[in-house]
Amino acid sequence: MLATIDIGSNTVRMLIGSSADGVLLPSVYQRRITRLGGGFSPTRGLSPVAMARTIATLKDFSAALEGHQAQLLRAVGTAALRRAVNRREFIEQVLQQTGIRIDVIEGDEEARLTTLGALSVISPQPENVVIFDIGGGSTEVVCIHGGRICAQQSFPLGVVRLAEEYSDHERRQHAIETTLMDYCSNLRHTFSSSEPPELIGTAGTMTTLAAIDLKLTSYNPSVINNHVLSVEWMASLYAQLETLSTPEREQWTGMEQGRGDLILPGLQLASTIAKSFEITQLKVADAGLLEGTFLDACRD
């Protein structure tokens, strides 16, 4: 058995499985919200509490790897670790306490691996597509034209950062539009009006939205993959959730626990990306960075 781990700014995920002819065959999947990027300080980096939460989860994952006799191919760290002045301290603590060696990847590499993972579960395979990954500390946007990546960019905007740094809708929306709108609008002209791109969203915000729309009481990746959401529905959901407290939001069927205060920034990011491409609906992919890292490591 083989395994990969994705240490995100909000969620830590682990996949144990195998690969045959480039197809991922998952056996065990675990995820836990640890908010590694929560309480982040530009001068002090990761908070001790967030580091402790994440290390505790990685200890559990390490035990699971041992229990399944799985070889860890790669453990990747993303935006929170890219930014943290104390990332070396955290990486050393993780290695000493769990035996897991973390590879902090750059935004372009995160975008490439996310694309590999997302496209592995989308059917039919689109020739023209924009894939976006809304994370806790960053958002990646990848443009594929004629089956080839023609542009990719990582933006320092994620749901944890937006939730902690901007307390109201207008300020969050201004930050999102200032950062994303011009880039995405320029990418739109890559495609002809007769062949608009398909839009695919991955990571926790998008899978949670799909679960809410499907009213899932138990998470099921097979029904999440390729589920279609309309921008109009997302706007309606935002209007409903905005009036509720965080605990009230987490009572909604399909809402992942721990995401109640993050779902509004996530909805704003997804809606802004869709509108900038003048797209009225999008597909959701359960697979992303974790699965792409697995497939990429198996190819090597």
C-alpha atoms as a PDB file:
ATOM      1  CA  MET A   1       0.000   0.000   0.000  1.00  0.00           C
ATOM      2  CA  LEU A   2       1.127   3.545  -0.783  1.00  0.00           C
ATOM      3  CA  ALA A   3       0.127   6.876   0.743  1.00  0.00           C
ATOM      4  CA  THR A   4       0.273  10.651   0.404  1.00  0.00           C
ATOM      5  CA  ILE A   5      -0.568  13.442   2.859  1.00  0.00           C
ATOM      6  CA  ASP A   6      -1.731  16.997   2.104  1.00  0.00           C
ATOM      7  CA  ILE A   7      -1.049  19.440   4.957  1.00  0.00           C
ATOM      8  CA  GLY A   8      -3.224  22.398   4.056  1.00  0.00           C
ATOM      9  CA  SER A   9      -3.802  25.703   5.789  1.00  0.00           C
ATOM     10  CA  ASN A  10      -7.201  24.478   6.969  1.00  0.00           C
ATOM     11  CA  THR A  11      -7.407  20.708   6.457  1.00  0.00           C
ATOM     12  CA  VAL A  12      -4.975  17.801   6.716  1.00  0.00           C
ATOM     13  CA  ARG A  13      -5.788  14.837   4.474  1.00  0.00           C
ATOM     14  CA  MET A  14      -4.313  11.383   3.947  1.00  0.00           C
ATOM     15  CA  LEU A  15      -4.848   8.852   1.169  1.00  0.00           C
ATOM     16  CA  ILE A  16      -3.786   5.209   1.295  1.00  0.00           C
ATOM     17  CA  GLY A  17      -4.197   3.098  -1.808  1.00  0.00           C
ATOM     18  CA  SER A  18      -2.568   1.901  -4.999  1.00  0.00           C
ATOM     19  CA  SER A  19      -2.361   2.807  -8.663  1.00  0.00           C
ATOM     20  CA  ALA A  20      -2.891   0.652 -11.745  1.00  0.00           C
ATOM     21  CA  ASP A  21      -2.252   1.986 -15.263  1.00  0.00           C
ATOM     22  CA  GLY A  22      -2.427   5.551 -14.001  1.00  0.00           C
ATOM     23  CA  VAL A  23      -5.762   5.020 -12.241  1.00  0.00           C
ATOM     24  CA  LEU A  24      -5.994   5.759  -8.521  1.00  0.00           C
ATOM     25  CA  LEU A  25      -7.411   2.914  -6.422  1.00  0.00           C
ATOM     26  CA  PRO A  26      -8.100   4.398  -2.969  1.00  0.00           C
ATOM     27  CA  SER A  27      -8.372   2.177   0.084  1.00  0.00           C
ATOM     28  CA  VAL A  28      -8.301   4.539   3.083  1.00  0.00           C
ATOM     29  CA  TYR A  29      -9.110   8.254   3.169  1.00  0.00           C
ATOM     30  CA  GLN A  30      -8.877  10.435   6.275  1.00  0.00           C
ATOM     31  CA  ARG A  31      -9.289  14.180   6.729  1.00  0.00           C
ATOM     32  CA  ARG A  32      -9.349  16.514   9.686  1.00  0.00           C
ATOM     33  CA  ILE A  33      -9.733  20.283   9.982  1.00  0.00           C
ATOM     34  CA  THR A  34      -6.777  21.534  12.059  1.00  0.00           C
ATOM     35  CA  ARG A  35      -6.553  25.156  10.841  1.00  0.00           C
ATOM     36  CA  LEU A  36      -2.789  25.226  10.633  1.00  0.00           C
ATOM     37  CA  GLY A  37      -3.137  28.737   9.200  1.00  0.00           C
ATOM     38  CA  GLY A  38      -5.474  29.881  11.981  1.00  0.00           C
ATOM     39  CA  GLY A  39      -4.104  32.699  14.140  1.00  0.00           C
ATOM     40  CA  PHE A  40      -1.272  33.229  11.652  1.00  0.00           C
ATOM     41  CA  SER A  41       1.075  36.175  12.232  1.00  0.00           C
ATOM     42  CA  PRO A  42       3.374  37.587   9.512  1.00  0.00           C
ATOM     43  CA  THR A  43       6.063  38.198  12.149  1.00  0.00           C
ATOM     44  CA  ARG A  44       5.610  35.091  14.336  1.00  0.00           C
ATOM     45  CA  GLY A  45       4.273  32.655  11.749  1.00  0.00           C
ATOM     46  CA  LEU A  46       2.213  29.633  12.744  1.00  0.00           C
ATOM     47  CA  SER A  47       0.578  29.790  16.159  1.00  0.00           C
ATOM     48  CA  PRO A  48       1.677  27.211  18.777  1.00  0.00           C
ATOM     49  CA  VAL A  49      -1.931  26.055  19.199  1.00  0.00           C
ATOM     50  CA  ALA A  50      -2.395  25.491  15.456  1.00  0.00           C
ATOM     51  CA  MET A  51       0.902  23.617  15.256  1.00  0.00           C
ATOM     52  CA  ALA A  52      -0.088  21.393  18.185  1.00  0.00           C
ATOM     53  CA  ARG A  53      -3.472  20.577  16.598  1.00  0.00           C
ATOM     54  CA  THR A  54      -1.845  19.636  13.329  1.00  0.00           C
ATOM     55  CA  ILE A  55       0.930  17.568  14.904  1.00  0.00           C
ATOM     56  CA  ALA A  56      -1.669  15.624  16.918  1.00  0.00           C
ATOM     57  CA  THR A  57      -3.473  14.774  13.680  1.00  0.00           C
ATOM     58  CA  LEU A  58      -0.245  13.786  11.943  1.00  0.00           C
ATOM     59  CA  LYS A  59       0.555  11.458  14.852  1.00  0.00           C
ATOM     60  CA  ASP A  60      -2.766   9.724  14.224  1.00  0.00           C
ATOM     61  CA  PHE A  61      -2.052   9.550  10.502  1.00  0.00           C
ATOM     62  CA  SER A  62       1.400   8.109  11.178  1.00  0.00           C
ATOM     63  CA  ALA A  63      -0.173   5.382  13.311  1.00  0.00           C
ATOM     64  CA  ALA A  64      -2.661   4.658  10.518  1.00  0.00           C
ATOM     65  CA  LEU A  65       0.178   4.347   8.007  1.00  0.00           C
ATOM     66  CA  GLU A  66       1.891   1.841  10.265  1.00  0.00           C
ATOM     67  CA  GLY A  67      -1.337  -0.061  10.856  1.00  0.00           C
ATOM     68  CA  HIS A  68      -1.950  -0.417   7.121  1.00  0.00           C
ATOM     69  CA  GLN A  69       1.737  -1.099   6.406  1.00  0.00           C
ATOM     70  CA  ALA A  70       1.651   1.754   3.905  1.00  0.00           C
ATOM     71  CA  GLN A  71       4.685   3.480   2.418  1.00  0.00           C
ATOM     72  CA  LEU A  72       4.404   7.277   2.527  1.00  0.00           C
ATOM     73  CA  LEU A  73       5.324   8.560  -0.925  1.00  0.00           C
ATOM     74  CA  ARG A  74       5.108  12.266  -0.166  1.00  0.00           C
ATOM     75  CA  ALA A  75       3.672  14.702   2.377  1.00  0.00           C
ATOM     76  CA  VAL A  76       3.155  18.192   0.952  1.00  0.00           C
ATOM     77  CA  GLY A  77       2.667  21.502   2.739  1.00  0.00           C
ATOM     78  CA  THR A  78       1.019  24.514   1.130  1.00  0.00           C
ATOM     79  CA  ALA A  79       0.247  28.210   1.698  1.00  0.00           C
ATOM     80  CA  ALA A  80       0.510  28.486   5.493  1.00  0.00           C
ATOM     81  CA  LEU A  81       3.895  26.783   5.450  1.00  0.00           C
ATOM     82  CA  ARG A  82       5.081  28.787   2.445  1.00  0.00           C
ATOM     83  CA  ARG A  83       4.443  32.006   4.396  1.00  0.00           C
ATOM     84  CA  ALA A  84       5.490  30.960   7.897  1.00  0.00           C
ATOM     85  CA  VAL A  85       8.748  32.334   9.304  1.00  0.00           C
ATOM     86  CA  ASN A  86       8.753  29.407  11.751  1.00  0.00           C
ATOM     87  CA  ARG A  87       8.047  26.682   9.216  1.00  0.00           C
ATOM     88  CA  ARG A  88      11.421  25.007   9.804  1.00  0.00           C
ATOM     89  CA  GLU A  89      10.594  24.645  13.495  1.00  0.00           C
ATOM     90  CA  PHE A  90       7.239  23.061  12.640  1.00  0.00           C
ATOM     91  CA  ILE A  91       8.706  20.721  10.022  1.00  0.00           C
ATOM     92  CA  GLU A  92      11.376  19.545  12.468  1.00  0.00           C
ATOM     93  CA  GLN A  93       8.792  18.936  15.206  1.00  0.00           C
ATOM     94  CA  VAL A  94       6.648  16.910  12.827  1.00  0.00           C
ATOM     95  CA  LEU A  95       9.614  14.807  11.721  1.00  0.00           C
ATOM     96  CA  GLN A  96      10.746  14.160  15.296  1.00  0.00           C
ATOM     97  CA  GLN A  97       7.286  13.339  16.652  1.00  0.00           C
ATOM     98  CA  THR A  98       5.732  11.492  13.712  1.00  0.00           C
ATOM     99  CA  GLY A  99       8.498  10.462  11.327  1.00  0.00           C
ATOM    100  CA  ILE A 100       6.712  12.352   8.532  1.00  0.00           C
ATOM    101  CA  ARG A 101       8.948  14.512   6.339  1.00  0.00           C
ATOM    102  CA  ILE A 102       7.090  17.503   4.878  1.00  0.00           C
ATOM    103  CA  ASP A 103       7.872  18.892   1.440  1.00  0.00           C
ATOM    104  CA  VAL A 104       6.684  22.518   1.190  1.00  0.00           C
ATOM    105  CA  ILE A 105       5.647  23.080  -2.425  1.00  0.00           C
ATOM    106  CA  GLU A 106       5.372  26.335  -4.342  1.00  0.00           C
ATOM    107  CA  GLY A 107       2.087  27.641  -5.698  1.00  0.00           C
ATOM    108  CA  ASP A 108       2.789  26.568  -9.292  1.00  0.00           C
ATOM    109  CA  GLU A 109       3.524  23.010  -8.190  1.00  0.00           C
ATOM    110  CA  GLU A 110       0.368  22.995  -6.081  1.00  0.00           C
ATOM    111  CA  ALA A 111      -1.625  24.106  -9.125  1.00  0.00           C
ATOM    112  CA  ARG A 112      -0.085  21.393 -11.340  1.00  0.00           C
ATOM    113  CA  LEU A 113      -0.754  18.589  -8.872  1.00  0.00           C
ATOM    114  CA  THR A 114      -4.273  19.843  -8.158  1.00  0.00           C
ATOM    115  CA  THR A 115      -5.023  19.761 -11.883  1.00  0.00           C
ATOM    116  CA  LEU A 116      -3.731  16.199 -12.171  1.00  0.00           C
ATOM    117  CA  GLY A 117      -5.944  15.103  -9.297  1.00  0.00           C
ATOM    118  CA  ALA A 118      -9.095  16.955 -10.335  1.00  0.00           C
ATOM    119  CA  LEU A 119      -9.024  15.778 -13.938  1.00  0.00           C
ATOM    120  CA  SER A 120      -8.625  12.163 -12.795  1.00  0.00           C
ATOM    121  CA  VAL A 121     -12.276  12.114 -11.661  1.00  0.00           C
ATOM    122  CA  ILE A 122     -13.944  14.377 -14.234  1.00  0.00           C
ATOM    123  CA  SER A 123     -15.782  12.850 -17.171  1.00  0.00           C
ATOM    124  CA  PRO A 124     -15.895  13.445 -20.003  1.00  0.00           C
ATOM    125  CA  GLN A 125     -12.405  14.956 -20.105  1.00  0.00           C
ATOM    126  CA  PRO A 126     -12.730  18.608 -21.223  1.00  0.00           C
ATOM    127  CA  GLU A 127     -10.374  20.136 -23.791  1.00  0.00           C
ATOM    128  CA  ASN A 128     -10.989  23.675 -22.539  1.00  0.00           C
ATOM    129  CA  VAL A 129     -11.268  24.046 -18.790  1.00  0.00           C
ATOM    130  CA  VAL A 130     -10.477  26.317 -15.873  1.00  0.00           C
ATOM    131  CA  ILE A 131      -9.760  24.530 -12.592  1.00  0.00           C
ATOM    132  CA  PHE A 132      -9.706  26.377  -9.291  1.00  0.00           C
ATOM    133  CA  ASP A 133      -8.705  25.164  -5.843  1.00  0.00           C
ATOM    134  CA  ILE A 134      -9.921  27.243  -2.897  1.00  0.00           C
ATOM    135  CA  GLY A 135      -7.693  26.437   0.056  1.00  0.00           C
ATOM    136  CA  GLY A 136      -7.318  27.805   3.548  1.00  0.00           C
ATOM    137  CA  GLY A 137      -4.415  30.103   2.712  1.00  0.00           C
ATOM    138  CA  SER A 138      -4.375  30.390  -1.078  1.00  0.00           C
ATOM    139  CA  THR A 139      -6.413  29.875  -4.232  1.00  0.00           C
ATOM    140  CA  GLU A 140      -4.974  28.290  -7.366  1.00  0.00           C
ATOM    141  CA  VAL A 141      -6.382  28.904 -10.857  1.00  0.00           C
ATOM    142  CA  VAL A 142      -5.305  26.755 -13.817  1.00  0.00           C
ATOM    143  CA  CYS A 143      -6.311  27.388 -17.429  1.00  0.00           C
ATOM    144  CA  ILE A 144      -6.272  24.488 -19.929  1.00  0.00           C
ATOM    145  CA  HIS A 145      -6.819  25.152 -23.638  1.00  0.00           C
ATOM    146  CA  GLY A 146      -6.789  22.397 -26.222  1.00  0.00           C
ATOM    147  CA  GLY A 147      -5.900  19.881 -23.538  1.00  0.00           C
ATOM    148  CA  ARG A 148      -2.723  21.730 -22.481  1.00  0.00           C
ATOM    149  CA  ILE A 149      -2.035  24.013 -19.509  1.00  0.00           C
ATOM    150  CA  CYS A 150      -1.663  27.531 -20.891  1.00  0.00           C
ATOM    151  CA  ALA A 151      -1.678  29.514 -17.635  1.00  0.00           C
ATOM    152  CA  GLN A 152      -1.638  28.910 -13.900  1.00  0.00           C
ATOM    153  CA  GLN A 153      -1.436  31.185 -10.895  1.00  0.00           C
ATOM    154  CA  SER A 154      -1.517  30.913  -7.114  1.00  0.00           C
ATOM    155  CA  PHE A 155      -3.144  33.785  -5.210  1.00  0.00           C
ATOM    156  CA  PRO A 156      -2.577  34.534  -1.485  1.00  0.00           C
ATOM    157  CA  LEU A 157      -6.304  34.376  -0.755  1.00  0.00           C
ATOM    158  CA  GLY A 158      -7.839  31.464   1.114  1.00  0.00           C
ATOM    159  CA  VAL A 159     -10.903  31.003   3.276  1.00  0.00           C
ATOM    160  CA  VAL A 160      -9.052  31.058   6.608  1.00  0.00           C
ATOM    161  CA  ARG A 161      -7.135  34.219   5.698  1.00  0.00           C
ATOM    162  CA  LEU A 162     -10.269  35.947   4.431  1.00  0.00           C
ATOM    163  CA  ALA A 163     -12.344  34.943   7.454  1.00  0.00           C
ATOM    164  CA  GLU A 164      -9.721  36.176   9.919  1.00  0.00           C
ATOM    165  CA  GLU A 165      -8.592  39.343   8.111  1.00  0.00           C
ATOM    166  CA  TYR A 166     -11.915  40.673   6.766  1.00  0.00           C
ATOM    167  CA  SER A 167     -14.940  40.777   9.021  1.00  0.00           C
ATOM    168  CA  ASP A 168     -17.593  41.930   6.553  1.00  0.00           C
ATOM    169  CA  HIS A 169     -18.847  41.057   3.083  1.00  0.00           C
ATOM    170  CA  GLU A 170     -17.840  44.293   1.346  1.00  0.00           C
ATOM    171  CA  ARG A 171     -14.213  44.274   2.509  1.00  0.00           C
ATOM    172  CA  ARG A 172     -13.818  40.587   1.644  1.00  0.00           C
ATOM    173  CA  GLN A 173     -15.367  41.101  -1.777  1.00  0.00           C
ATOM    174  CA  HIS A 174     -13.102  44.067  -2.492  1.00  0.00           C
ATOM    175  CA  ALA A 175     -10.007  42.023  -1.557  1.00  0.00           C
ATOM    176  CA  ILE A 176     -11.136  39.128  -3.760  1.00  0.00           C
ATOM    177  CA  GLU A 177     -11.971  41.265  -6.780  1.00  0.00           C
ATOM    178  CA  THR A 178      -8.789  43.326  -6.476  1.00  0.00           C
ATOM    179  CA  THR A 179      -6.680  40.164  -6.446  1.00  0.00           C
ATOM    180  CA  LEU A 180      -8.519  37.827  -8.821  1.00  0.00           C
ATOM    181  CA  MET A 181     -10.787  39.719 -11.203  1.00  0.00           C
ATOM    182  CA  ASP A 182      -8.291  41.158 -13.696  1.00  0.00           C
ATOM    183  CA  TYR A 183      -6.320  37.913 -13.975  1.00  0.00           C
ATOM    184  CA  CYS A 184      -9.398  35.754 -14.557  1.00  0.00           C
ATOM    185  CA  SER A 185     -11.015  38.261 -16.914  1.00  0.00           C
ATOM    186  CA  ASN A 186      -7.848  38.326 -19.039  1.00  0.00           C
ATOM    187  CA  LEU A 187      -7.779  34.519 -19.109  1.00  0.00           C
ATOM    188  CA  ARG A 188     -11.335  34.527 -20.427  1.00  0.00           C
ATOM    189  CA  HIS A 189     -10.058  35.895 -23.728  1.00  0.00           C
ATOM    190  CA  THR A 190      -7.933  32.754 -24.168  1.00  0.00           C
ATOM    191  CA  PHE A 191     -11.136  30.987 -25.213  1.00  0.00           C
ATOM    192  CA  SER A 192     -13.384  31.785 -28.162  1.00  0.00           C
ATOM    193  CA  SER A 193     -16.970  32.777 -27.470  1.00  0.00           C
ATOM    194  CA  SER A 194     -18.110  29.661 -29.355  1.00  0.00           C
ATOM    195  CA  GLU A 195     -15.991  27.378 -27.141  1.00  0.00           C
ATOM    196  CA  PRO A 196     -16.223  28.663 -23.554  1.00  0.00           C
ATOM    197  CA  PRO A 197     -14.275  26.711 -20.939  1.00  0.00           C
ATOM    198  CA  GLU A 198     -15.771  24.310 -18.468  1.00  0.00           C
ATOM    199  CA  LEU A 199     -15.247  25.450 -14.867  1.00  0.00           C
ATOM    200  CA  ILE A 200     -14.218  22.909 -12.221  1.00  0.00           C
ATOM    201  CA  GLY A 201     -13.864  23.651  -8.512  1.00  0.00           C
ATOM    202  CA  THR A 202     -12.076  21.433  -6.019  1.00  0.00           C
ATOM    203  CA  ALA A 203     -11.163  21.370  -2.296  1.00  0.00           C
ATOM    204  CA  GLY A 204     -13.283  21.692   0.838  1.00  0.00           C
ATOM    205  CA  THR A 205     -15.402  24.723  -0.005  1.00  0.00           C
ATOM    206  CA  MET A 206     -16.618  23.226  -3.266  1.00  0.00           C
ATOM    207  CA  THR A 207     -17.176  19.698  -1.968  1.00  0.00           C
ATOM    208  CA  THR A 208     -19.109  21.132   0.984  1.00  0.00           C
ATOM    209  CA  LEU A 209     -21.301  23.168  -1.373  1.00  0.00           C
ATOM    210  CA  ALA A 210     -22.012  20.043  -3.408  1.00  0.00           C
ATOM    211  CA  ALA A 211     -22.852  18.112  -0.236  1.00  0.00           C
ATOM    212  CA  ILE A 212     -25.242  20.894   0.834  1.00  0.00           C
ATOM    213  CA  ASP A 213     -26.924  20.956  -2.575  1.00  0.00           C
ATOM    214  CA  LEU A 214     -27.263  17.154  -2.512  1.00  0.00           C
ATOM    215  CA  LYS A 215     -28.385  17.226   1.146  1.00  0.00           C
ATOM    216  CA  LEU A 216     -25.876  14.508   2.020  1.00  0.00           C
ATOM    217  CA  THR A 217     -26.017  13.201   5.577  1.00  0.00           C
ATOM    218  CA  SER A 218     -22.970  11.022   4.872  1.00  0.00           C
ATOM    219  CA  TYR A 219     -20.157  12.229   2.618  1.00  0.00           C
ATOM    220  CA  ASN A 220     -19.836  10.271  -0.635  1.00  0.00           C
ATOM    221  CA  PRO A 221     -17.071  11.264  -3.101  1.00  0.00           C
ATOM    222  CA  SER A 222     -18.649   9.332  -5.974  1.00  0.00           C
ATOM    223  CA  VAL A 223     -21.731  11.585  -6.004  1.00  0.00           C
ATOM    224  CA  ILE A 224     -19.691  14.746  -5.346  1.00  0.00           C
ATOM    225  CA  ASN A 225     -17.537  14.236  -8.445  1.00  0.00           C
ATOM    226  CA  ASN A 226     -19.071  15.878 -11.531  1.00  0.00           C
ATOM    227  CA  HIS A 227     -21.918  17.427  -9.529  1.00  0.00           C
ATOM    228  CA  VAL A 228     -23.044  20.683 -11.146  1.00  0.00           C
ATOM    229  CA  LEU A 229     -23.689  23.881  -9.160  1.00  0.00           C
ATOM    230  CA  SER A 230     -25.218  27.042 -10.586  1.00  0.00           C
ATOM    231  CA  VAL A 231     -23.901  30.493  -9.732  1.00  0.00           C
ATOM    232  CA  GLU A 232     -27.502  31.543  -9.098  1.00  0.00           C
ATOM    233  CA  TRP A 233     -27.888  28.787  -6.482  1.00  0.00           C
ATOM    234  CA  MET A 234     -24.637  29.843  -4.798  1.00  0.00           C
ATOM    235  CA  ALA A 235     -25.872  33.436  -4.547  1.00  0.00           C
ATOM    236  CA  SER A 236     -29.131  32.243  -3.008  1.00  0.00           C
ATOM    237  CA  LEU A 237     -27.279  30.057  -0.512  1.00  0.00           C
ATOM    238  CA  TYR A 238     -25.000  32.953   0.474  1.00  0.00           C
ATOM    239  CA  ALA A 239     -28.012  35.160   1.188  1.00  0.00           C
ATOM    240  CA  GLN A 240     -29.496  32.476   3.436  1.00  0.00           C
ATOM    241  CA  LEU A 241     -26.285  31.617   5.307  1.00  0.00           C
ATOM    242  CA  GLU A 242     -25.267  35.247   5.826  1.00  0.00           C
ATOM    243  CA  THR A 243     -28.159  35.764   8.250  1.00  0.00           C
ATOM    244  CA  LEU A 244     -27.118  32.812  10.449  1.00  0.00           C
ATOM    245  CA  SER A 245     -24.532  32.389  13.198  1.00  0.00           C
ATOM    246  CA  THR A 246     -21.635  29.975  12.713  1.00  0.00           C
ATOM    247  CA  PRO A 247     -23.254  27.253  14.892  1.00  0.00           C
ATOM    248  CA  GLU A 248     -26.508  27.649  12.962  1.00  0.00           C
ATOM    249  CA  ARG A 249     -24.712  27.260   9.627  1.00  0.00           C
ATOM    250  CA  GLU A 250     -23.097  24.055  10.836  1.00  0.00           C
ATOM    251  CA  GLN A 251     -26.550  22.573  11.423  1.00  0.00           C
ATOM    252  CA  TRP A 252     -27.223  22.640   7.681  1.00  0.00           C
ATOM    253  CA  THR A 253     -27.343  19.187   6.106  1.00  0.00           C
ATOM    254  CA  GLY A 254     -24.118  18.614   4.196  1.00  0.00           C
ATOM    255  CA  MET A 255     -22.087  21.308   6.008  1.00  0.00           C
ATOM    256  CA  GLU A 256     -18.689  20.036   7.122  1.00  0.00           C
ATOM    257  CA  GLN A 257     -18.170  20.649  10.827  1.00  0.00           C
ATOM    258  CA  GLY A 258     -15.590  23.383  11.390  1.00  0.00           C
ATOM    259  CA  ARG A 259     -16.450  25.144   8.128  1.00  0.00           C
ATOM    260  CA  GLY A 260     -19.341  27.317   9.324  1.00  0.00           C
ATOM    261  CA  ASP A 261     -17.293  30.527   9.471  1.00  0.00           C
ATOM    262  CA  LEU A 262     -15.401  29.729   6.256  1.00  0.00           C
ATOM    263  CA  ILE A 263     -18.233  28.944   3.870  1.00  0.00           C
ATOM    264  CA  LEU A 264     -19.113  32.598   3.142  1.00  0.00           C
ATOM    265  CA  PRO A 265     -15.578  33.579   2.011  1.00  0.00           C
ATOM    266  CA  GLY A 266     -15.489  30.361  -0.015  1.00  0.00           C
ATOM    267  CA  LEU A 267     -18.764  31.197  -1.731  1.00  0.00           C
ATOM    268  CA  GLN A 268     -17.485  34.683  -2.548  1.00  0.00           C
ATOM    269  CA  LEU A 269     -14.297  33.302  -4.087  1.00  0.00           C
ATOM    270  CA  ALA A 270     -16.110  30.687  -6.185  1.00  0.00           C
ATOM    271  CA  SER A 271     -18.771  33.122  -7.383  1.00  0.00           C
ATOM    272  CA  THR A 272     -16.217  35.785  -8.320  1.00  0.00           C
ATOM    273  CA  ILE A 273     -14.155  33.315 -10.357  1.00  0.00           C
ATOM    274  CA  ALA A 274     -17.256  32.062 -12.190  1.00  0.00           C
ATOM    275  CA  LYS A 275     -18.525  35.566 -12.926  1.00  0.00           C
ATOM    276  CA  SER A 276     -15.139  36.744 -14.190  1.00  0.00           C
ATOM    277  CA  PHE A 277     -15.256  33.965 -16.807  1.00  0.00           C
ATOM    278  CA  GLU A 278     -18.926  34.771 -17.519  1.00  0.00           C
ATOM    279  CA  ILE A 279     -19.865  31.202 -16.585  1.00  0.00           C
ATOM    280  CA  THR A 280     -23.218  30.378 -15.005  1.00  0.00           C
ATOM    281  CA  GLN A 281     -22.462  26.892 -13.674  1.00  0.00           C
ATOM    282  CA  LEU A 282     -19.536  24.729 -12.643  1.00  0.00           C
ATOM    283  CA  LYS A 283     -18.596  21.140 -11.860  1.00  0.00           C
ATOM    284  CA  VAL A 284     -17.191  19.913  -8.555  1.00  0.00           C
ATOM    285  CA  ALA A 285     -14.267  17.498  -8.158  1.00  0.00           C
ATOM    286  CA  ASP A 286     -13.663  15.726  -4.865  1.00  0.00           C
ATOM    287  CA  ALA A 287     -10.102  14.917  -5.962  1.00  0.00           C
ATOM    288  CA  GLY A 288      -7.375  17.543  -6.027  1.00  0.00           C
ATOM    289  CA  LEU A 289      -3.920  18.107  -4.564  1.00  0.00           C
ATOM    290  CA  LEU A 290      -3.844  14.952  -2.418  1.00  0.00           C
ATOM    291  CA  GLU A 291      -4.824  12.664  -5.276  1.00  0.00           C
ATOM    292  CA  GLY A 292      -2.636  14.477  -7.793  1.00  0.00           C
ATOM    293  CA  THR A 293       0.352  14.096  -5.479  1.00  0.00           C
ATOM    294  CA  PHE A 294      -0.373  10.361  -5.246  1.00  0.00           C
ATOM    295  CA  LEU A 295      -0.661   9.877  -9.012  1.00  0.00           C
ATOM    296  CA  ASP A 296       2.426  12.002  -9.689  1.00  0.00           C
ATOM    297  CA  ALA A 297       4.518  10.070  -7.159  1.00  0.00           C
ATOM    298  CA  CYS A 298       3.376   6.750  -8.632  1.00  0.00           C
ATOM    299  CA  ARG A 299       4.490   7.888 -12.100  1.00  0.00           C
ATOM    300  CA  ASP A 300       7.949   8.574 -10.721  1.00  0.00           C
END
